[in-house]
């Protein structure tokens, strides 16, 4: 005979596993350090300046 399980505990365990999976996904998506964000911002600003300097005047 199979061992009976508590459905409430199984439901909570499944929800907790889903929350852990979502947290791991968010860490990958949004988990950048301040230095990485700053470097990206500075690179974008530099590229924008280079683009503006290369414009031709009519």
Protein backbone atom coordinates (compact mmCIF):
# COMPACT_ATOMS: atom_id res chain seq x y z
CA UNK A 1 0.00 0.00 0.00
CA UNK A 2 1.28 3.48 -0.83
CA UNK A 3 2.18 5.98 1.82
CA UNK A 4 -0.49 8.70 2.24
CA UNK A 5 0.64 12.25 1.53
CA UNK A 6 -0.57 15.55 2.86
CA UNK A 7 -1.94 17.45 -0.14
CA UNK A 8 -1.47 20.83 1.56
CA UNK A 9 2.24 20.15 2.04
CA UNK A 10 2.61 18.93 -1.53
CA UNK A 11 0.86 22.05 -2.83
CA UNK A 12 3.09 24.33 -0.73
CA UNK A 13 6.23 22.49 -1.81
CA UNK A 14 5.27 22.85 -5.47
CA UNK A 15 4.59 26.59 -4.99
CA UNK A 16 7.91 27.03 -3.19
CA UNK A 17 9.77 25.26 -5.99
CA UNK A 18 8.09 27.54 -8.55
CA UNK A 19 9.03 30.61 -6.48
CA UNK A 20 12.66 29.43 -6.34
CA UNK A 21 12.67 28.90 -10.12
CA UNK A 22 11.23 32.39 -10.70
CA UNK A 23 13.78 33.94 -8.33
CA UNK A 24 16.65 32.26 -10.16
CA UNK A 25 15.31 33.54 -13.48
CA UNK A 26 15.01 37.08 -12.08
CA UNK A 27 18.57 36.97 -10.72
CA UNK A 28 19.82 36.21 -14.21
CA UNK A 29 17.62 38.83 -15.85
CA UNK A 30 17.99 41.74 -13.40
CA UNK A 31 20.97 40.82 -11.26
CA UNK A 32 23.55 43.26 -12.55
CA UNK A 33 25.92 45.06 -10.23
CA UNK A 34 26.06 48.83 -10.03
CA UNK A 35 29.45 48.80 -11.76
CA UNK A 36 28.06 46.81 -14.70
CA UNK A 37 25.12 49.22 -15.02
CA UNK A 38 27.46 52.22 -14.91
CA UNK A 39 29.80 50.75 -17.52
CA UNK A 40 26.87 50.05 -19.85
CA UNK A 41 25.56 53.58 -19.38
CA UNK A 42 28.97 55.14 -20.07
CA UNK A 43 29.43 53.03 -23.20
CA UNK A 44 26.03 54.13 -24.50
CA UNK A 45 26.85 57.79 -23.83
CA UNK A 46 30.19 57.46 -25.60
CA UNK A 47 28.54 55.86 -28.62
CA UNK A 48 25.92 58.63 -28.72
CA UNK A 49 28.65 61.32 -28.60
CA UNK A 50 30.59 59.60 -31.41
CA UNK A 51 27.43 59.40 -33.47
CA UNK A 52 26.65 63.10 -32.92
CA UNK A 53 30.20 64.09 -33.84
CA UNK A 54 30.00 62.19 -37.12
CA UNK A 55 26.86 64.04 -38.30
CA UNK A 56 27.15 66.20 -41.35
CA UNK A 57 25.79 69.72 -41.46
CA UNK A 58 23.67 70.73 -44.44
